[in-house]
Protein backbone atom coordinates (compact mmCIF):
# COMPACT_ATOMS: atom_id res chain seq x y z
CA MET A 1 -19.98 1.76 -20.97
CA ALA A 2 -19.90 5.57 -21.06
CA LEU A 3 -21.68 7.06 -18.05
CA PRO A 4 -23.30 10.51 -17.94
CA TYR A 5 -22.11 10.85 -14.35
CA PHE A 6 -19.19 9.61 -12.25
CA LEU A 7 -19.48 6.31 -10.38
CA GLY A 8 -16.79 4.76 -8.24
CA CYS A 9 -15.60 3.07 -5.06
CA PRO A 10 -13.14 4.05 -2.33
CA GLN A 11 -10.44 1.83 -3.87
CA TRP A 12 -9.73 0.07 -7.13
CA GLN A 13 -8.81 -3.42 -6.01
CA HIS A 14 -10.04 -6.14 -3.66
CA PRO A 15 -9.56 -9.93 -3.81
CA ALA A 16 -13.34 -10.45 -3.94
CA TRP A 17 -13.49 -8.45 -7.16
CA ASN A 18 -11.09 -10.66 -9.10
CA SER A 19 -13.81 -12.77 -10.67
CA GLY A 20 -16.11 -9.84 -11.37
CA LEU A 21 -14.00 -7.25 -13.17
CA PRO A 22 -13.01 -7.64 -16.84
CA PRO A 23 -9.51 -8.80 -17.79
CA GLY A 24 -6.75 -6.23 -17.83
CA ARG A 25 -3.07 -5.58 -17.27
CA SER A 26 -3.48 -4.30 -13.70
CA PRO A 27 -6.14 -3.93 -11.00
CA LEU A 28 -6.56 -0.25 -11.87
CA ASP A 29 -6.90 -1.02 -15.58
CA ARG A 30 -9.59 -3.61 -14.81
CA TYR A 31 -11.44 -1.28 -12.44
CA SER A 32 -11.36 1.66 -14.87
CA GLN A 33 -13.06 -0.40 -17.57
CA VAL A 34 -16.19 -0.42 -15.39
CA PHE A 35 -15.98 2.62 -13.10
CA ASN A 36 -14.95 6.10 -14.19
CA CYS A 37 -13.68 7.56 -10.91
CA VAL A 38 -12.14 6.50 -7.61
CA GLU A 39 -11.61 7.95 -4.17
CA GLY A 40 -7.91 8.40 -3.54
CA ASN A 41 -7.85 6.95 -0.04
CA THR A 42 -4.30 5.74 -0.54
CA THR A 43 -2.96 9.31 -0.61
CA PHE A 44 -4.57 10.05 2.76
CA TYR A 45 -2.33 7.51 4.48
CA ALA A 46 0.84 7.74 2.39
CA THR A 47 2.02 9.86 -0.50
CA PRO A 48 2.92 7.78 -3.56
CA SER A 49 6.00 8.38 -5.65
CA ARG A 50 5.82 10.48 -8.79
CA GLU A 51 6.70 7.35 -10.75
CA GLN A 52 3.75 5.51 -9.20
CA CYS A 53 1.45 8.34 -10.26
CA GLN A 54 2.82 8.09 -13.80
CA GLN A 55 1.98 4.39 -13.81
CA TRP A 56 -1.54 5.07 -12.57
CA ARG A 57 -2.06 7.62 -15.34
CA SER A 58 -1.01 5.11 -17.98
CA GLN A 59 -3.62 2.62 -16.76
CA VAL A 60 -6.77 4.74 -17.05
CA PRO A 61 -8.64 6.34 -19.98
CA ASP A 62 -8.76 10.08 -20.46
CA ASP A 63 -12.28 10.40 -19.09
CA PHE A 64 -11.41 8.71 -15.77
CA ARG A 65 -11.16 10.88 -12.64
CA PHE A 66 -9.08 10.53 -9.47
CA LEU A 67 -10.49 12.31 -6.41
CA LEU A 68 -7.33 12.22 -4.35
CA LYS A 69 -7.44 12.86 -0.63
CA PHE A 70 -4.97 15.31 0.81
CA PRO A 71 -2.61 13.60 3.27
CA ARG A 72 -3.80 13.27 6.84
CA THR A 73 -0.72 15.21 7.98
CA ILE A 74 -2.29 18.23 6.27
CA THR A 75 -5.95 17.77 7.17
CA HIS A 76 -5.93 15.94 10.50
CA ASP A 77 -2.56 16.55 12.15
CA ARG A 78 -2.25 20.24 11.26
CA LEU A 79 -5.93 21.12 10.66
CA LEU A 80 -4.82 23.01 7.52
CA SER A 81 -2.59 25.35 9.53
CA GLY A 82 0.91 26.08 8.24
CA VAL A 83 0.69 23.49 5.47
CA ASP A 84 1.56 25.52 2.36
CA ALA A 85 4.85 23.68 1.82
CA GLY A 86 3.23 20.30 2.40
CA MET A 87 0.49 21.11 -0.09
CA ARG A 88 3.01 22.18 -2.75
CA ASP A 89 5.11 19.06 -2.21
CA PHE A 90 2.05 16.81 -2.50
CA LEU A 91 0.79 18.52 -5.67
CA GLU A 92 4.24 18.19 -7.24
CA VAL A 93 4.26 14.43 -6.63
CA VAL A 94 0.79 13.81 -8.06
CA ALA A 95 1.24 16.18 -11.03
CA PRO A 96 1.41 13.29 -13.58
CA LEU A 97 -2.32 12.80 -12.92
CA GLU A 98 -3.23 16.42 -13.51
CA ASP A 99 -5.32 15.86 -16.64
CA VAL A 100 -7.42 13.23 -14.86
CA PHE A 101 -7.94 15.06 -11.59
CA GLY A 102 -11.42 15.38 -10.24
CA PRO A 103 -11.82 17.70 -7.28
CA PHE A 104 -9.42 16.86 -4.45
CA LEU A 105 -11.14 15.35 -1.41
CA LEU A 106 -10.49 17.64 1.53
CA GLN A 107 -11.73 15.40 4.35
CA LEU A 108 -11.67 17.22 7.67
CA PRO A 109 -11.87 15.53 11.10
CA ALA A 110 -14.39 16.20 13.85
CA ALA A 111 -11.69 18.26 15.58
CA PHE A 112 -11.91 20.79 12.73
CA GLY A 113 -14.56 23.17 14.05
CA PRO A 114 -15.90 26.65 13.27
CA GLU A 115 -12.83 28.25 14.85
CA HIS A 116 -10.70 26.70 12.08
CA LEU A 117 -12.70 27.97 9.09
CA ASN A 118 -10.14 30.65 8.25
CA ASN A 119 -7.60 27.83 7.81
CA LEU A 120 -9.95 26.27 5.27
CA TRP A 121 -10.41 29.45 3.27
CA ARG A 122 -6.68 30.18 3.21
CA PHE A 123 -5.98 26.62 2.07
CA VAL A 124 -8.51 26.41 -0.75
CA ASP A 125 -7.76 29.95 -1.94
CA ALA A 126 -4.08 28.98 -2.23
CA LEU A 127 -4.76 26.00 -4.51
CA PRO A 128 -3.19 26.77 -7.90
CA ALA A 129 -5.66 27.11 -10.75
CA PRO A 130 -7.28 25.14 -12.27
CA LEU A 131 -7.17 22.70 -9.35
CA GLY A 132 -10.23 22.49 -7.14
CA CYS A 133 -11.50 20.50 -4.20
CA THR A 134 -14.59 19.26 -2.44
CA VAL A 135 -14.92 19.56 1.34
CA GLU A 136 -16.16 16.98 3.84
CA VAL A 137 -16.74 18.14 7.42
CA ARG A 138 -17.52 16.06 10.49
CA ASN A 139 -17.80 18.54 13.35
CA SER A 140 -21.35 18.60 14.76
CA ALA A 141 -21.51 22.40 14.57
CA PHE A 142 -21.55 22.16 10.78
CA PHE A 143 -24.75 20.09 10.90
CA SER A 144 -26.72 22.20 13.37
CA LYS A 145 -28.19 24.62 10.79
CA GLY A 146 -26.84 27.46 12.92
CA ASP A 147 -24.34 30.22 12.22
CA ALA A 148 -21.38 27.85 11.86
CA GLU A 149 -23.06 25.82 9.13
CA LYS A 150 -24.35 28.94 7.37
CA THR A 151 -20.85 30.43 7.37
CA LEU A 152 -19.36 27.21 6.01
CA ASN A 153 -21.98 26.87 3.28
CA ARG A 154 -21.71 30.51 2.27
CA GLY A 155 -17.93 30.28 1.95
CA LEU A 156 -18.17 27.13 -0.14
CA ARG A 157 -20.77 28.64 -2.46
CA GLU A 158 -18.72 31.78 -2.93
CA ARG A 159 -15.81 29.63 -4.05
CA ASN A 160 -17.92 27.22 -6.13
CA ILE A 161 -16.84 24.28 -3.95
CA ALA A 162 -19.08 21.27 -3.34
CA ARG A 163 -19.73 20.05 0.17
CA VAL A 164 -19.35 16.28 0.30
CA CYS A 165 -22.60 14.60 1.31
CA LEU A 166 -21.89 11.51 3.40
CA ASP A 167 -24.90 9.21 3.72
CA SER A 168 -24.24 6.57 6.37
CA ARG A 169 -27.89 5.99 7.34
CA ALA A 170 -28.03 2.51 5.84
CA LEU A 171 -24.89 1.44 7.67
CA PHE A 172 -26.16 2.59 11.05
CA ALA A 173 -29.56 0.99 10.45
CA ALA A 174 -27.80 -2.39 10.49
CA THR A 175 -27.73 -4.51 13.62
CA PRO A 176 -24.09 -4.63 14.85
CA ASP A 177 -24.06 -8.41 15.15
CA ASN A 178 -20.79 -9.18 13.35
CA GLU A 179 -17.24 -7.87 13.45
CA VAL A 180 -17.36 -6.29 9.98
CA THR A 181 -20.43 -4.20 10.72
CA ILE A 182 -19.20 -3.27 14.20
CA ASP A 183 -15.88 -2.12 12.76
CA ALA A 184 -17.55 -0.12 9.99
CA GLN A 185 -19.91 1.60 12.44
CA ARG A 186 -16.94 2.42 14.66
CA LYS A 187 -14.91 3.97 11.85
CA LYS A 188 -17.55 5.79 9.81
CA PRO A 189 -19.06 9.04 11.06
CA ARG A 190 -22.73 9.16 11.92
CA VAL A 191 -23.73 12.59 10.69
CA PRO A 192 -26.96 13.98 9.21
CA VAL A 193 -27.35 14.03 5.45
CA HIS A 194 -26.80 17.66 4.48
CA LEU A 195 -26.64 18.48 0.79
CA LEU A 196 -25.50 21.93 -0.29
CA PRO A 197 -27.14 23.08 -3.55
CA GLY A 198 -24.76 24.92 -5.83
CA ASN A 199 -23.08 25.01 -9.21
CA ALA A 200 -20.20 22.69 -8.32
CA ALA A 201 -20.59 19.02 -9.27
CA PRO A 202 -22.17 17.22 -6.28
CA VAL A 203 -20.11 14.58 -4.46
CA ILE A 204 -22.00 11.81 -2.66
CA ARG A 205 -20.43 9.09 -0.50
CA TYR A 206 -22.97 6.36 0.23
CA ILE A 207 -22.15 3.81 2.97
CA GLY A 208 -24.30 0.73 2.47
CA HIS A 209 -26.17 -1.71 4.67
CA PRO A 210 -24.47 -5.14 4.86
CA ASP A 211 -27.75 -6.75 3.72
CA LEU A 212 -27.74 -5.83 0.03
CA GLU A 213 -31.51 -5.72 -0.40
CA ALA A 214 -31.90 -3.43 2.61
CA ASN A 215 -30.18 -0.70 0.57
CA ARG A 216 -33.09 -0.28 -1.83
CA CYS A 217 -35.05 2.13 0.34
CA TYR A 218 -31.95 4.17 1.20
CA LEU A 219 -30.84 4.39 -2.43
CA ALA A 220 -34.28 5.34 -3.75
CA PRO A 221 -33.99 9.08 -2.92
CA TRP A 222 -30.56 9.18 -4.51
CA VAL A 223 -31.88 7.53 -7.66
CA GLU A 224 -34.33 10.41 -8.03
CA ARG A 225 -31.76 13.05 -7.13
CA VAL A 226 -28.97 11.72 -9.37
CA GLY A 227 -31.46 11.13 -12.18
CA ALA A 228 -32.59 14.74 -11.97
CA TRP A 229 -29.00 16.00 -11.95
CA ILE A 230 -28.21 13.97 -15.06
CA GLU A 231 -31.27 15.37 -16.82
CA GLN A 232 -30.15 18.88 -15.89
CA GLY A 233 -26.75 18.25 -17.49
CA GLN A 234 -24.79 17.92 -14.25
CA ARG A 235 -22.22 15.18 -13.68
CA PRO A 236 -22.32 14.24 -10.00
CA TYR A 237 -19.82 11.94 -8.33
CA PHE A 238 -21.43 8.95 -6.59
CA PHE A 239 -19.22 6.67 -4.50
CA LEU A 240 -20.33 3.29 -3.17
CA HIS A 241 -19.02 1.91 0.13
CA MET A 242 -19.96 -1.26 2.00
CA PRO A 243 -18.96 -2.48 5.47
CA ASP A 244 -17.12 -5.25 3.62
CA ILE A 245 -15.77 -3.46 0.56
CA GLY A 246 -15.68 -6.81 -1.22
CA ASP A 247 -19.46 -6.42 -1.54
CA ALA A 248 -19.18 -3.13 -3.43
CA LEU A 249 -19.64 -4.70 -6.87
CA SER A 250 -22.96 -6.18 -5.77
CA LEU A 251 -24.03 -2.77 -4.49
CA ALA A 252 -22.99 -1.26 -7.84
CA GLU A 253 -25.21 -3.76 -9.64
CA LEU A 254 -28.15 -2.84 -7.42
CA TRP A 255 -27.53 0.90 -7.75
CA THR A 256 -27.27 0.84 -11.53
CA GLU A 257 -30.32 -1.39 -11.78
CA LEU A 258 -32.36 1.17 -9.85
CA LEU A 259 -30.93 4.13 -11.76
CA SER A 260 -31.59 2.46 -15.13
CA GLU A 261 -35.28 2.36 -14.23
CA ARG A 262 -35.20 6.13 -13.67
CA VAL A 263 -32.96 7.35 -16.50
CA ASP A 264 -33.47 6.43 -20.14
CA SER A 265 -30.51 4.73 -21.86
CA MET A 266 -28.80 3.86 -18.59
CA GLU A 267 -27.57 0.29 -18.30
CA THR A 268 -27.23 -2.02 -15.32
CA LEU A 269 -23.72 -3.18 -14.47
CA ARG A 270 -23.39 -6.94 -14.47
CA PHE A 271 -20.22 -8.50 -13.17
CA ASN A 272 -19.12 -11.81 -14.63
CA GLU A 273 -18.78 -14.25 -11.77
CA LYS A 274 -17.29 -16.91 -14.05
CA GLN A 275 -14.14 -15.10 -15.09
CA PRO A 276 -10.92 -16.83 -14.01
CA GLN A 277 -9.31 -15.59 -10.83
CA LEU A 278 -6.53 -13.10 -11.46
CA GLY A 279 -3.82 -11.98 -9.10
CA LEU A 280 -3.75 -8.47 -7.67
CA PHE A 281 -0.29 -7.70 -8.99
């Protein structure tokens, strides 16, 4: 199903998805028949080989997009300082995916504050054309609506860079009465929902409530917003997370059901629970 926007998850495989995704030659092939983008979390923790990137490219259609995360050694360990060589090495490895790149995910830790903004501008200005990125910040100063946030937003707009909007409200509305929810609330940042209007394609990361139906009220504003973007000819990126990522397909069904009621010609994703179990590899 061709989508007028980009919809994806933080990964492309999970054992709980085996019965839901269509048949295919690999987990990525199966995933890319349903979703048209993915967060590249794997590259945050470890850089793949160039050969692995070539294999990934062969498993996705031309309209699929990888939003790869820069390695944590660049963003978290060095806070974007003195990382030119590391950036070049990383881009060389992932070059086989160049024609299916979305914006790179530049996810910055809470330790990256206003005093580090010059590192950010040097880094993004050094990215070779036509590569681009989208920036996620977690320092509280960038959510205070003060000078630090205004400076950040102004710099992003000047460079036509989207600010990632992380919406974790549903997750933190859940009662932490089980290990999965407790772990998710411990790992995910609890930051206000700040959306930066601009010309760059919006990037939304939605972290769901473990009770599927409880997500309806939190998704409703995004249904209206994404619907309006689609009508305006924009192609936003919308990523679906759950405390237990195995539940992401169910959240995708709910999301697309709600969006189909808002946007003409949109279809609801339905995952076949009766398909035979397939191995991950």
